[in-house]
Amino acid sequence: MLRIIYSCDIPRHAKIAKSVSFQHRALGVVIHPDAEIGENCFIQHHVTIGVNKGTKGVPKIGANVFIGPYAMILGDIKIGDNATIGAGTLVMKDIEAGATYTGNTKMIRRR
């Protein structure tokens, strides 16, 4: 039902912690079936979590991660606990715990 009304693709067998929060009814969210999302993550609308062309792995997202709207997290990468990914950000490399990653300039800000 969510898939039809809200144009989202969240497979039942994806490893998503029960405490993950999807905002705006998961509108436009796409998650690869093999992706892993940890406890207490906050995912905004139109987020893509999946493979990157030429890679085989999928993202593994730690606990307490905030993912802004229209962010794309692609490839065999790890997002550390308590990281923040800003709106519209393309992430194709690991982000360490507690870091903030924003914009198309691929800028990492440490707290």
PDB file of N, CA and C in Angstrom:
ATOM      1  N   MET A   1       0.810  -1.193   0.000  1.00  0.00           N
ATOM      2  CA  MET A   1       0.000   0.000   0.000  1.00  0.00           C
ATOM      3  C   MET A   1       0.858   1.264   0.000  1.00  0.00           C
ATOM      4  N   LEU A   2       1.876   1.318   0.867  1.00  0.00           N
ATOM      5  CA  LEU A   2       2.762   2.489   0.884  1.00  0.00           C
ATOM      6  C   LEU A   2       3.401   2.715  -0.474  1.00  0.00           C
ATOM      7  N   ARG A   3       3.798   1.628  -1.116  1.00  0.00           N
ATOM      8  CA  ARG A   3       4.467   1.724  -2.415  1.00  0.00           C
ATOM      9  C   ARG A   3       3.582   2.423  -3.447  1.00  0.00           C
ATOM     10  N   ILE A   4       2.321   2.135  -3.446  1.00  0.00           N
ATOM     11  CA  ILE A   4       1.404   2.710  -4.431  1.00  0.00           C
ATOM     12  C   ILE A   4       1.083   4.165  -4.100  1.00  0.00           C
ATOM     13  N   ILE A   5       0.719   4.435  -2.879  1.00  0.00           N
ATOM     14  CA  ILE A   5       0.287   5.781  -2.510  1.00  0.00           C
ATOM     15  C   ILE A   5       1.459   6.753  -2.401  1.00  0.00           C
ATOM     16  N   TYR A   6       2.570   6.321  -1.818  1.00  0.00           N
ATOM     17  CA  TYR A   6       3.677   7.236  -1.538  1.00  0.00           C
ATOM     18  C   TYR A   6       4.907   7.019  -2.413  1.00  0.00           C
ATOM     19  N   SER A   7       4.810   6.183  -3.419  1.00  0.00           N
ATOM     20  CA  SER A   7       5.913   5.945  -4.364  1.00  0.00           C
ATOM     21  C   SER A   7       7.219   5.605  -3.660  1.00  0.00           C
ATOM     22  N   CYS A   8       7.149   4.757  -2.654  1.00  0.00           N
ATOM     23  CA  CYS A   8       8.367   4.340  -1.960  1.00  0.00           C
ATOM     24  C   CYS A   8       8.636   2.863  -2.244  1.00  0.00           C
ATOM     25  N   ASP A   9       9.895   2.475  -2.057  1.00  0.00           N
ATOM     26  CA  ASP A   9      10.292   1.086  -2.266  1.00  0.00           C
ATOM     27  C   ASP A   9      11.153   0.672  -1.076  1.00  0.00           C
ATOM     28  N   ILE A  10      10.508   0.089  -0.081  1.00  0.00           N
ATOM     29  CA  ILE A  10      11.185  -0.348   1.138  1.00  0.00           C
ATOM     30  C   ILE A  10      10.899  -1.836   1.303  1.00  0.00           C
ATOM     31  N   PRO A  11      11.835  -2.701   0.883  1.00  0.00           N
ATOM     32  CA  PRO A  11      11.602  -4.145   0.935  1.00  0.00           C
ATOM     33  C   PRO A  11      11.408  -4.656   2.365  1.00  0.00           C
ATOM     34  N   ARG A  12      10.534  -5.605   2.523  1.00  0.00           N
ATOM     35  CA  ARG A  12      10.260  -6.173   3.844  1.00  0.00           C
ATOM     36  C   ARG A  12      11.484  -6.825   4.468  1.00  0.00           C
ATOM     37  N   HIS A  13      12.356  -7.405   3.657  1.00  0.00           N
ATOM     38  CA  HIS A  13      13.491  -8.130   4.216  1.00  0.00           C
ATOM     39  C   HIS A  13      14.750  -7.274   4.358  1.00  0.00           C
ATOM     40  N   ALA A  14      14.672  -5.970   4.091  1.00  0.00           N
ATOM     41  CA  ALA A  14      15.814  -5.085   4.358  1.00  0.00           C
ATOM     42  C   ALA A  14      16.036  -5.044   5.871  1.00  0.00           C
ATOM     43  N   LYS A  15      17.285  -4.896   6.285  1.00  0.00           N
ATOM     44  CA  LYS A  15      17.620  -4.887   7.713  1.00  0.00           C
ATOM     45  C   LYS A  15      17.472  -3.469   8.258  1.00  0.00           C
ATOM     46  N   ILE A  16      16.262  -3.134   8.656  1.00  0.00           N
ATOM     47  CA  ILE A  16      15.939  -1.804   9.164  1.00  0.00           C
ATOM     48  C   ILE A  16      15.471  -1.954  10.607  1.00  0.00           C
ATOM     49  N   ALA A  17      16.167  -1.287  11.529  1.00  0.00           N
ATOM     50  CA  ALA A  17      15.784  -1.366  12.942  1.00  0.00           C
ATOM     51  C   ALA A  17      14.357  -0.851  13.129  1.00  0.00           C
ATOM     52  N   LYS A  18      13.656  -1.431  14.073  1.00  0.00           N
ATOM     53  CA  LYS A  18      12.258  -1.054  14.319  1.00  0.00           C
ATOM     54  C   LYS A  18      12.108   0.397  14.758  1.00  0.00           C
ATOM     55  N   SER A  19      13.161   0.973  15.335  1.00  0.00           N
ATOM     56  CA  SER A  19      13.077   2.340  15.852  1.00  0.00           C
ATOM     57  C   SER A  19      13.381   3.406  14.799  1.00  0.00           C
ATOM     58  N   VAL A  20      13.607   3.007  13.552  1.00  0.00           N
ATOM     59  CA  VAL A  20      13.869   3.976  12.479  1.00  0.00           C
ATOM     60  C   VAL A  20      12.595   4.773  12.207  1.00  0.00           C
ATOM     61  N   SER A  21      12.769   6.083  12.017  1.00  0.00           N
ATOM     62  CA  SER A  21      11.632   6.972  11.773  1.00  0.00           C
ATOM     63  C   SER A  21      11.670   7.490  10.339  1.00  0.00           C
ATOM     64  N   PHE A  22      10.591   7.247   9.605  1.00  0.00           N
ATOM     65  CA  PHE A  22      10.454   7.763   8.243  1.00  0.00           C
ATOM     66  C   PHE A  22       9.505   8.952   8.278  1.00  0.00           C
ATOM     67  N   GLN A  23       9.971  10.092   7.833  1.00  0.00           N
ATOM     68  CA  GLN A  23       9.137  11.289   7.824  1.00  0.00           C
ATOM     69  C   GLN A  23       8.306  11.362   6.550  1.00  0.00           C
ATOM     70  N   HIS A  24       7.214  12.065   6.600  1.00  0.00           N
ATOM     71  CA  HIS A  24       6.325  12.266   5.454  1.00  0.00           C
ATOM     72  C   HIS A  24       5.892  10.937   4.834  1.00  0.00           C
ATOM     73  N   ARG A  25       5.626   9.957   5.698  1.00  0.00           N
ATOM     74  CA  ARG A  25       5.132   8.639   5.283  1.00  0.00           C
ATOM     75  C   ARG A  25       6.054   7.941   4.287  1.00  0.00           C
ATOM     76  N   ALA A  26       7.346   8.215   4.394  1.00  0.00           N
ATOM     77  CA  ALA A  26       8.367   7.594   3.528  1.00  0.00           C
ATOM     78  C   ALA A  26       8.194   7.971   2.061  1.00  0.00           C
ATOM     79  N   LEU A  27       7.629   9.128   1.802  1.00  0.00           N
ATOM     80  CA  LEU A  27       7.384   9.590   0.436  1.00  0.00           C
ATOM     81  C   LEU A  27       8.653   9.526  -0.413  1.00  0.00           C
ATOM     82  N   GLY A  28       8.622   8.740  -1.476  1.00  0.00           N
ATOM     83  CA  GLY A  28       9.717   8.652  -2.432  1.00  0.00           C
ATOM     84  C   GLY A  28      10.975   7.961  -1.944  1.00  0.00           C
ATOM     85  N   VAL A  29      10.952   7.313  -0.789  1.00  0.00           N
ATOM     86  CA  VAL A  29      12.142   6.650  -0.248  1.00  0.00           C
ATOM     87  C   VAL A  29      12.375   5.329  -0.978  1.00  0.00           C
ATOM     88  N   VAL A  30      13.644   5.088  -1.354  1.00  0.00           N
ATOM     89  CA  VAL A  30      14.029   3.836  -2.007  1.00  0.00           C
ATOM     90  C   VAL A  30      15.189   3.244  -1.217  1.00  0.00           C
ATOM     91  N   ILE A  31      15.039   1.987  -0.779  1.00  0.00           N
ATOM     92  CA  ILE A  31      16.073   1.307   0.002  1.00  0.00           C
ATOM     93  C   ILE A  31      16.368  -0.040  -0.641  1.00  0.00           C
ATOM     94  N   HIS A  32      17.645  -0.313  -0.866  1.00  0.00           N
ATOM     95  CA  HIS A  32      18.065  -1.598  -1.436  1.00  0.00           C
ATOM     96  C   HIS A  32      17.723  -2.723  -0.453  1.00  0.00           C
ATOM     97  N   PRO A  33      17.312  -3.885  -0.945  1.00  0.00           N
ATOM     98  CA  PRO A  33      16.933  -4.995  -0.061  1.00  0.00           C
ATOM     99  C   PRO A  33      18.041  -5.461   0.879  1.00  0.00           C
ATOM    100  N   ASP A  34      19.308  -5.258   0.512  1.00  0.00           N
ATOM    101  CA  ASP A  34      20.417  -5.715   1.351  1.00  0.00           C
ATOM    102  C   ASP A  34      20.993  -4.623   2.247  1.00  0.00           C
ATOM    103  N   ALA A  35      20.457  -3.417   2.187  1.00  0.00           N
ATOM    104  CA  ALA A  35      20.957  -2.318   3.018  1.00  0.00           C
ATOM    105  C   ALA A  35      20.679  -2.597   4.492  1.00  0.00           C
ATOM    106  N   GLU A  36      21.498  -1.976   5.363  1.00  0.00           N
ATOM    107  CA  GLU A  36      21.308  -2.102   6.807  1.00  0.00           C
ATOM    108  C   GLU A  36      21.191  -0.705   7.406  1.00  0.00           C
ATOM    109  N   ILE A  37      20.166  -0.517   8.238  1.00  0.00           N
ATOM    110  CA  ILE A  37      19.937   0.778   8.872  1.00  0.00           C
ATOM    111  C   ILE A  37      19.764   0.547  10.365  1.00  0.00           C
ATOM    112  N   GLY A  38      20.613   1.209  11.173  1.00  0.00           N
ATOM    113  CA  GLY A  38      20.645   1.006  12.617  1.00  0.00           C
ATOM    114  C   GLY A  38      19.541   1.705  13.390  1.00  0.00           C
ATOM    115  N   GLU A  39      19.593   1.533  14.695  1.00  0.00           N
ATOM    116  CA  GLU A  39      18.587   2.057  15.621  1.00  0.00           C
ATOM    117  C   GLU A  39      18.464   3.580  15.566  1.00  0.00           C
ATOM    118  N   ASN A  40      17.249   4.052  15.760  1.00  0.00           N
ATOM    119  CA  ASN A  40      16.935   5.473  15.949  1.00  0.00           C
ATOM    120  C   ASN A  40      17.371   6.392  14.813  1.00  0.00           C
ATOM    121  N   CYS A  41      17.445   5.883  13.605  1.00  0.00           N
ATOM    122  CA  CYS A  41      17.757   6.747  12.462  1.00  0.00           C
ATOM    123  C   CYS A  41      16.508   7.525  12.067  1.00  0.00           C
ATOM    124  N   PHE A  42      16.730   8.688  11.487  1.00  0.00           N
ATOM    125  CA  PHE A  42      15.656   9.599  11.089  1.00  0.00           C
ATOM    126  C   PHE A  42      15.820   9.849   9.600  1.00  0.00           C
ATOM    127  N   ILE A  43      14.891   9.365   8.790  1.00  0.00           N
ATOM    128  CA  ILE A  43      15.019   9.432   7.332  1.00  0.00           C
ATOM    129  C   ILE A  43      13.916  10.318   6.763  1.00  0.00           C
ATOM    130  N   GLN A  44      14.322  11.370   6.072  1.00  0.00           N
ATOM    131  CA  GLN A  44      13.385  12.304   5.451  1.00  0.00           C
ATOM    132  C   GLN A  44      12.876  11.742   4.119  1.00  0.00           C
ATOM    133  N   HIS A  45      12.074  12.506   3.417  1.00  0.00           N
ATOM    134  CA  HIS A  45      11.457  12.065   2.166  1.00  0.00           C
ATOM    135  C   HIS A  45      12.445  12.061   0.996  1.00  0.00           C
ATOM    136  N   HIS A  46      12.134  11.242  -0.017  1.00  0.00           N
ATOM    137  CA  HIS A  46      12.900  11.123  -1.265  1.00  0.00           C
ATOM    138  C   HIS A  46      14.375  10.777  -1.046  1.00  0.00           C
ATOM    139  N   VAL A  47      14.655   9.904  -0.104  1.00  0.00           N
ATOM    140  CA  VAL A  47      16.018   9.433   0.159  1.00  0.00           C
ATOM    141  C   VAL A  47      16.229   8.127  -0.592  1.00  0.00           C
ATOM    142  N   THR A  48      17.427   7.963  -1.183  1.00  0.00           N
ATOM    143  CA  THR A  48      17.794   6.719  -1.856  1.00  0.00           C
ATOM    144  C   THR A  48      18.984   6.108  -1.136  1.00  0.00           C
ATOM    145  N   ILE A  49      18.876   4.827  -0.776  1.00  0.00           N
ATOM    146  CA  ILE A  49      19.952   4.080  -0.135  1.00  0.00           C
ATOM    147  C   ILE A  49      20.138   2.824  -0.967  1.00  0.00           C
ATOM    148  N   GLY A  50      21.238   2.770  -1.745  1.00  0.00           N
ATOM    149  CA  GLY A  50      21.379   1.642  -2.655  1.00  0.00           C
ATOM    150  C   GLY A  50      22.761   1.462  -3.234  1.00  0.00           C
ATOM    151  N   VAL A  51      22.827   0.767  -4.356  1.00  0.00           N
ATOM    152  CA  VAL A  51      24.099   0.439  -4.995  1.00  0.00           C
ATOM    153  C   VAL A  51      24.586   1.597  -5.861  1.00  0.00           C
ATOM    154  N   ASN A  52      25.878   1.564  -6.129  1.00  0.00           N
ATOM    155  CA  ASN A  52      26.496   2.526  -7.029  1.00  0.00           C
ATOM    156  C   ASN A  52      26.997   1.753  -8.238  1.00  0.00           C
ATOM    157  N   LYS A  53      26.845   2.292  -9.404  1.00  0.00           N
ATOM    158  CA  LYS A  53      27.283   1.609 -10.622  1.00  0.00           C
ATOM    159  C   LYS A  53      28.745   1.190 -10.483  1.00  0.00           C
ATOM    160  N   GLY A  54      29.004  -0.067 -10.765  1.00  0.00           N
ATOM    161  CA  GLY A  54      30.362  -0.586 -10.698  1.00  0.00           C
ATOM    162  C   GLY A  54      30.762  -1.134  -9.340  1.00  0.00           C
ATOM    163  N   THR A  55      29.869  -1.086  -8.358  1.00  0.00           N
ATOM    164  CA  THR A  55      30.169  -1.660  -7.048  1.00  0.00           C
ATOM    165  C   THR A  55      29.153  -2.755  -6.740  1.00  0.00           C
ATOM    166  N   LYS A  56      29.507  -3.627  -5.814  1.00  0.00           N
ATOM    167  CA  LYS A  56      28.613  -4.729  -5.472  1.00  0.00           C
ATOM    168  C   LYS A  56      27.933  -4.549  -4.121  1.00  0.00           C
ATOM    169  N   GLY A  57      28.568  -3.808  -3.222  1.00  0.00           N
ATOM    170  CA  GLY A  57      28.021  -3.685  -1.876  1.00  0.00           C
ATOM    171  C   GLY A  57      26.977  -2.594  -1.743  1.00  0.00           C
ATOM    172  N   VAL A  58      26.334  -2.589  -0.594  1.00  0.00           N
ATOM    173  CA  VAL A  58      25.301  -1.594  -0.288  1.00  0.00           C
ATOM    174  C   VAL A  58      25.654  -0.903   1.031  1.00  0.00           C
ATOM    175  N   PRO A  59      25.048   0.244   1.299  1.00  0.00           N
ATOM    176  CA  PRO A  59      25.365   0.980   2.524  1.00  0.00           C
ATOM    177  C   PRO A  59      24.962   0.244   3.801  1.00  0.00           C
ATOM    178  N   LYS A  60      25.774   0.498   4.830  1.00  0.00           N
ATOM    179  CA  LYS A  60      25.475   0.063   6.187  1.00  0.00           C
ATOM    180  C   LYS A  60      25.458   1.340   7.021  1.00  0.00           C
ATOM    181  N   ILE A  61      24.306   1.643   7.561  1.00  0.00           N
ATOM    182  CA  ILE A  61      24.105   2.896   8.277  1.00  0.00           C
ATOM    183  C   ILE A  61      24.000   2.603   9.764  1.00  0.00           C
ATOM    184  N   GLY A  62      24.816   3.300  10.556  1.00  0.00           N
ATOM    185  CA  GLY A  62      24.852   3.096  12.001  1.00  0.00           C
ATOM    186  C   GLY A  62      23.618   3.629  12.706  1.00  0.00           C
ATOM    187  N   ALA A  63      23.721   3.766  14.017  1.00  0.00           N
ATOM    188  CA  ALA A  63      22.607   4.222  14.853  1.00  0.00           C
ATOM    189  C   ALA A  63      22.564   5.742  14.950  1.00  0.00           C
ATOM    190  N   ASN A  64      21.379   6.272  15.175  1.00  0.00           N
ATOM    191  CA  ASN A  64      21.167   7.703  15.422  1.00  0.00           C
ATOM    192  C   ASN A  64      21.647   8.585  14.278  1.00  0.00           C
ATOM    193  N   VAL A  65      21.468   8.141  13.062  1.00  0.00           N
ATOM    194  CA  VAL A  65      21.889   8.909  11.883  1.00  0.00           C
ATOM    195  C   VAL A  65      20.695   9.704  11.355  1.00  0.00           C
ATOM    196  N   PHE A  66      20.929  10.984  11.053  1.00  0.00           N
ATOM    197  CA  PHE A  66      19.911  11.837  10.442  1.00  0.00           C
ATOM    198  C   PHE A  66      20.209  11.924   8.954  1.00  0.00           C
ATOM    199  N   ILE A  67      19.214  11.631   8.108  1.00  0.00           N
ATOM    200  CA  ILE A  67      19.374  11.704   6.655  1.00  0.00           C
ATOM    201  C   ILE A  67      18.339  12.683   6.121  1.00  0.00           C
ATOM    202  N   GLY A  68      18.819  13.795   5.558  1.00  0.00           N
ATOM    203  CA  GLY A  68      17.947  14.851   5.060  1.00  0.00           C
ATOM    204  C   GLY A  68      17.259  14.484   3.759  1.00  0.00           C
ATOM    205  N   PRO A  69      16.253  15.273   3.366  1.00  0.00           N
ATOM    206  CA  PRO A  69      15.495  14.984   2.150  1.00  0.00           C
ATOM    207  C   PRO A  69      16.362  15.008   0.900  1.00  0.00           C
ATOM    208  N   TYR A  70      16.035  14.150  -0.026  1.00  0.00           N
ATOM    209  CA  TYR A  70      16.693  14.033  -1.333  1.00  0.00           C
ATOM    210  C   TYR A  70      18.156  13.598  -1.248  1.00  0.00           C
ATOM    211  N   ALA A  71      18.595  13.080  -0.114  1.00  0.00           N
ATOM    212  CA  ALA A  71      19.959  12.561  -0.005  1.00  0.00           C
ATOM    213  C   ALA A  71      20.050  11.225  -0.731  1.00  0.00           C
ATOM    214  N   MET A  72      21.237  10.925  -1.273  1.00  0.00           N
ATOM    215  CA  MET A  72      21.505   9.634  -1.911  1.00  0.00           C
ATOM    216  C   MET A  72      22.745   9.039  -1.264  1.00  0.00           C
ATOM    217  N   ILE A  73      22.616   7.822  -0.757  1.00  0.00           N
ATOM    218  CA  ILE A  73      23.710   7.106  -0.110  1.00  0.00           C
ATOM    219  C   ILE A  73      23.926   5.855  -0.934  1.00  0.00           C
ATOM    220  N   LEU A  74      25.066   5.798  -1.626  1.00  0.00           N
ATOM    221  CA  LEU A  74      25.258   4.765  -2.643  1.00  0.00           C
ATOM    222  C   LEU A  74      26.565   4.007  -2.475  1.00  0.00           C
ATOM    223  N   GLY A  75      26.507   2.696  -2.665  1.00  0.00           N
ATOM    224  CA  GLY A  75      27.697   1.864  -2.733  1.00  0.00           C
ATOM    225  C   GLY A  75      28.013   1.143  -1.439  1.00  0.00           C
ATOM    226  N   ASP A  76      29.146   0.468  -1.456  1.00  0.00           N
ATOM    227  CA  ASP A  76      29.619  -0.336  -0.329  1.00  0.00           C
ATOM    228  C   ASP A  76      30.303   0.589   0.675  1.00  0.00           C
ATOM    229  N   ILE A  77      29.493   1.332   1.434  1.00  0.00           N
ATOM    230  CA  ILE A  77      30.032   2.315   2.371  1.00  0.00           C
ATOM    231  C   ILE A  77      29.408   2.139   3.744  1.00  0.00           C
ATOM    232  N   LYS A  78      30.053   2.754   4.741  1.00  0.00           N
ATOM    233  CA  LYS A  78      29.555   2.714   6.113  1.00  0.00           C
ATOM    234  C   LYS A  78      29.356   4.137   6.608  1.00  0.00           C
ATOM    235  N   ILE A  79      28.214   4.355   7.227  1.00  0.00           N
ATOM    236  CA  ILE A  79      27.899   5.632   7.844  1.00  0.00           C
ATOM    237  C   ILE A  79      27.947   5.403   9.352  1.00  0.00           C
ATOM    238  N   GLY A  80      28.847   6.113  10.038  1.00  0.00           N
ATOM    239  CA  GLY A  80      29.032   5.924  11.472  1.00  0.00           C
ATOM    240  C   GLY A  80      27.867   6.424  12.304  1.00  0.00           C
ATOM    241  N   ASP A  81      27.807   5.960  13.535  1.00  0.00           N
ATOM    242  CA  ASP A  81      26.766   6.383  14.473  1.00  0.00           C
ATOM    243  C   ASP A  81      26.770   7.903  14.639  1.00  0.00           C
ATOM    244  N   ASN A  82      25.594   8.460  14.850  1.00  0.00           N
ATOM    245  CA  ASN A  82      25.415   9.888  15.142  1.00  0.00           C
ATOM    246  C   ASN A  82      25.867  10.815  14.019  1.00  0.00           C
ATOM    247  N   ALA A  83      25.938  10.318  12.805  1.00  0.00           N
ATOM    248  CA  ALA A  83      26.296  11.158  11.659  1.00  0.00           C
ATOM    249  C   ALA A  83      25.064  11.913  11.176  1.00  0.00           C
ATOM    250  N   THR A  84      25.310  13.021  10.477  1.00  0.00           N
ATOM    251  CA  THR A  84      24.242  13.815   9.881  1.00  0.00           C
ATOM    252  C   THR A  84      24.532  13.975   8.399  1.00  0.00           C
ATOM    253  N   ILE A  85      23.548  13.666   7.571  1.00  0.00           N
ATOM    254  CA  ILE A  85      23.674  13.824   6.119  1.00  0.00           C
ATOM    255  C   ILE A  85      22.638  14.857   5.702  1.00  0.00           C
ATOM    256  N   GLY A  86      23.113  15.961   5.138  1.00  0.00           N
ATOM    257  CA  GLY A  86      22.236  17.074   4.801  1.00  0.00           C
ATOM    258  C   GLY A  86      21.363  16.816   3.586  1.00  0.00           C
ATOM    259  N   ALA A  87      20.413  17.700   3.386  1.00  0.00           N
ATOM    260  CA  ALA A  87      19.475  17.608   2.270  1.00  0.00           C
ATOM    261  C   ALA A  87      20.200  17.645   0.932  1.00  0.00           C
ATOM    262  N   GLY A  88      19.797  16.770   0.027  1.00  0.00           N
ATOM    263  CA  GLY A  88      20.335  16.757  -1.328  1.00  0.00           C
ATOM    264  C   GLY A  88      21.774  16.307  -1.454  1.00  0.00           C
ATOM    265  N   THR A  89      22.324  15.706  -0.429  1.00  0.00           N
ATOM    266  CA  THR A  89      23.731  15.307  -0.431  1.00  0.00           C
ATOM    267  C   THR A  89      23.918  13.937  -1.076  1.00  0.00           C
ATOM    268  N   LEU A  90      24.948  13.824  -1.902  1.00  0.00           N
ATOM    269  CA  LEU A  90      25.337  12.557  -2.509  1.00  0.00           C
ATOM    270  C   LEU A  90      26.499  11.994  -1.706  1.00  0.00           C
ATOM    271  N   VAL A  91      26.316  10.805  -1.127  1.00  0.00           N
ATOM    272  CA  VAL A  91      27.341  10.172  -0.297  1.00  0.00           C
ATOM    273  C   VAL A  91      27.796   8.897  -0.988  1.00  0.00           C
ATOM    274  N   MET A  92      29.102   8.841  -1.320  1.00  0.00           N
ATOM    275  CA  MET A  92      29.653   7.646  -1.971  1.00  0.00           C
ATOM    276  C   MET A  92      30.946   7.194  -1.303  1.00  0.00           C
ATOM    277  N   LYS A  93      31.182   7.654  -0.074  1.00  0.00           N
ATOM    278  CA  LYS A  93      32.334   7.194   0.692  1.00  0.00           C
ATOM    279  C   LYS A  93      31.951   7.139   2.159  1.00  0.00           C
ATOM    280  N   ASP A  94      32.745   6.429   2.949  1.00  0.00           N
ATOM    281  CA  ASP A  94      32.451   6.265   4.367  1.00  0.00           C
ATOM    282  C   ASP A  94      32.379   7.616   5.073  1.00  0.00           C
ATOM    283  N   ILE A  95      31.514   7.675   6.075  1.00  0.00           N
ATOM    284  CA  ILE A  95      31.421   8.848   6.939  1.00  0.00           C
ATOM    285  C   ILE A  95      31.649   8.363   8.359  1.00  0.00           C
ATOM    286  N   GLU A  96      32.588   9.003   9.042  1.00  0.00           N
ATOM    287  CA  GLU A  96      32.906   8.557  10.396  1.00  0.00           C
ATOM    288  C   GLU A  96      31.819   8.983  11.382  1.00  0.00           C
ATOM    289  N   ALA A  97      31.806   8.329  12.517  1.00  0.00           N
ATOM    290  CA  ALA A  97      30.810   8.609  13.552  1.00  0.00           C
ATOM    291  C   ALA A  97      30.858  10.075  13.962  1.00  0.00           C
ATOM    292  N   GLY A  98      29.686  10.678  14.108  1.00  0.00           N
ATOM    293  CA  GLY A  98      29.580  12.049  14.577  1.00  0.00           C
ATOM    294  C   GLY A  98      29.824  13.121  13.537  1.00  0.00           C
ATOM    295  N   ALA A  99      30.169  12.749  12.314  1.00  0.00           N
ATOM    296  CA  ALA A  99      30.467  13.739  11.275  1.00  0.00           C
ATOM    297  C   ALA A  99      29.187  14.260  10.639  1.00  0.00           C
ATOM    298  N   THR A 100      29.289  15.454  10.067  1.00  0.00           N
ATOM    299  CA  THR A 100      28.197  16.046   9.305  1.00  0.00           C
ATOM    300  C   THR A 100      28.657  16.169   7.865  1.00  0.00           C
ATOM    301  N   TYR A 101      27.852  15.690   6.947  1.00  0.00           N
ATOM    302  CA  TYR A 101      28.200  15.652   5.523  1.00  0.00           C
ATOM    303  C   TYR A 101      27.097  16.385   4.784  1.00  0.00           C
ATOM    304  N   THR A 102      27.444  17.492   4.116  1.00  0.00           N
ATOM    305  CA  THR A 102      26.407  18.303   3.483  1.00  0.00           C
ATOM    306  C   THR A 102      26.798  18.779   2.099  1.00  0.00           C
ATOM    307  N   GLY A 103      25.804  19.020   1.291  1.00  0.00           N
ATOM    308  CA  GLY A 103      25.972  19.678   0.004  1.00  0.00           C
ATOM    309  C   GLY A 103      26.622  18.848  -1.071  1.00  0.00           C
ATOM    310  N   ASN A 104      26.669  19.431  -2.244  1.00  0.00           N
ATOM    311  CA  ASN A 104      27.280  18.765  -3.387  1.00  0.00           C
ATOM    312  C   ASN A 104      28.783  18.942  -3.432  1.00  0.00           C
ATOM    313  N   THR A 105      29.329  19.706  -2.503  1.00  0.00           N
ATOM    314  CA  THR A 105      30.776  19.906  -2.459  1.00  0.00           C
ATOM    315  C   THR A 105      31.471  18.788  -1.703  1.00  0.00           C
ATOM    316  N   LYS A 106      30.698  17.844  -1.209  1.00  0.00           N
ATOM    317  CA  LYS A 106      31.237  16.700  -0.470  1.00  0.00           C
ATOM    318  C   LYS A 106      32.075  17.150   0.722  1.00  0.00           C
ATOM    319  N   MET A 107      31.578  18.104   1.450  1.00  0.00           N
ATOM    320  CA  MET A 107      32.294  18.642   2.596  1.00  0.00           C
ATOM    321  C   MET A 107      31.912  17.890   3.863  1.00  0.00           C
ATOM    322  N   ILE A 108      32.925  17.456   4.598  1.00  0.00           N
ATOM    323  CA  ILE A 108      32.689  16.788   5.874  1.00  0.00           C
ATOM    324  C   ILE A 108      33.051  17.767   6.984  1.00  0.00           C
ATOM    325  N   ARG A 109      32.150  17.932   7.924  1.00  0.00           N
ATOM    326  CA  ARG A 109      32.409  18.801   9.071  1.00  0.00           C
ATOM    327  C   ARG A 109      32.422  17.932  10.316  1.00  0.00           C
ATOM    328  N   ARG A 110      33.461  18.043  11.072  1.00  0.00           N
ATOM    329  CA  ARG A 110      33.544  17.280  12.310  1.00  0.00           C
ATOM    330  C   ARG A 110      32.952  18.106  13.447  1.00  0.00           C
ATOM    331  N   ARG A 111      32.311  17.430  14.372  1.00  0.00           N
ATOM    332  CA  ARG A 111      31.723  18.135  15.528  1.00  0.00           C
ATOM    333  C   ARG A 111      32.772  18.367  16.577  1.00  0.00           C
TER     334      ARG A 111
END
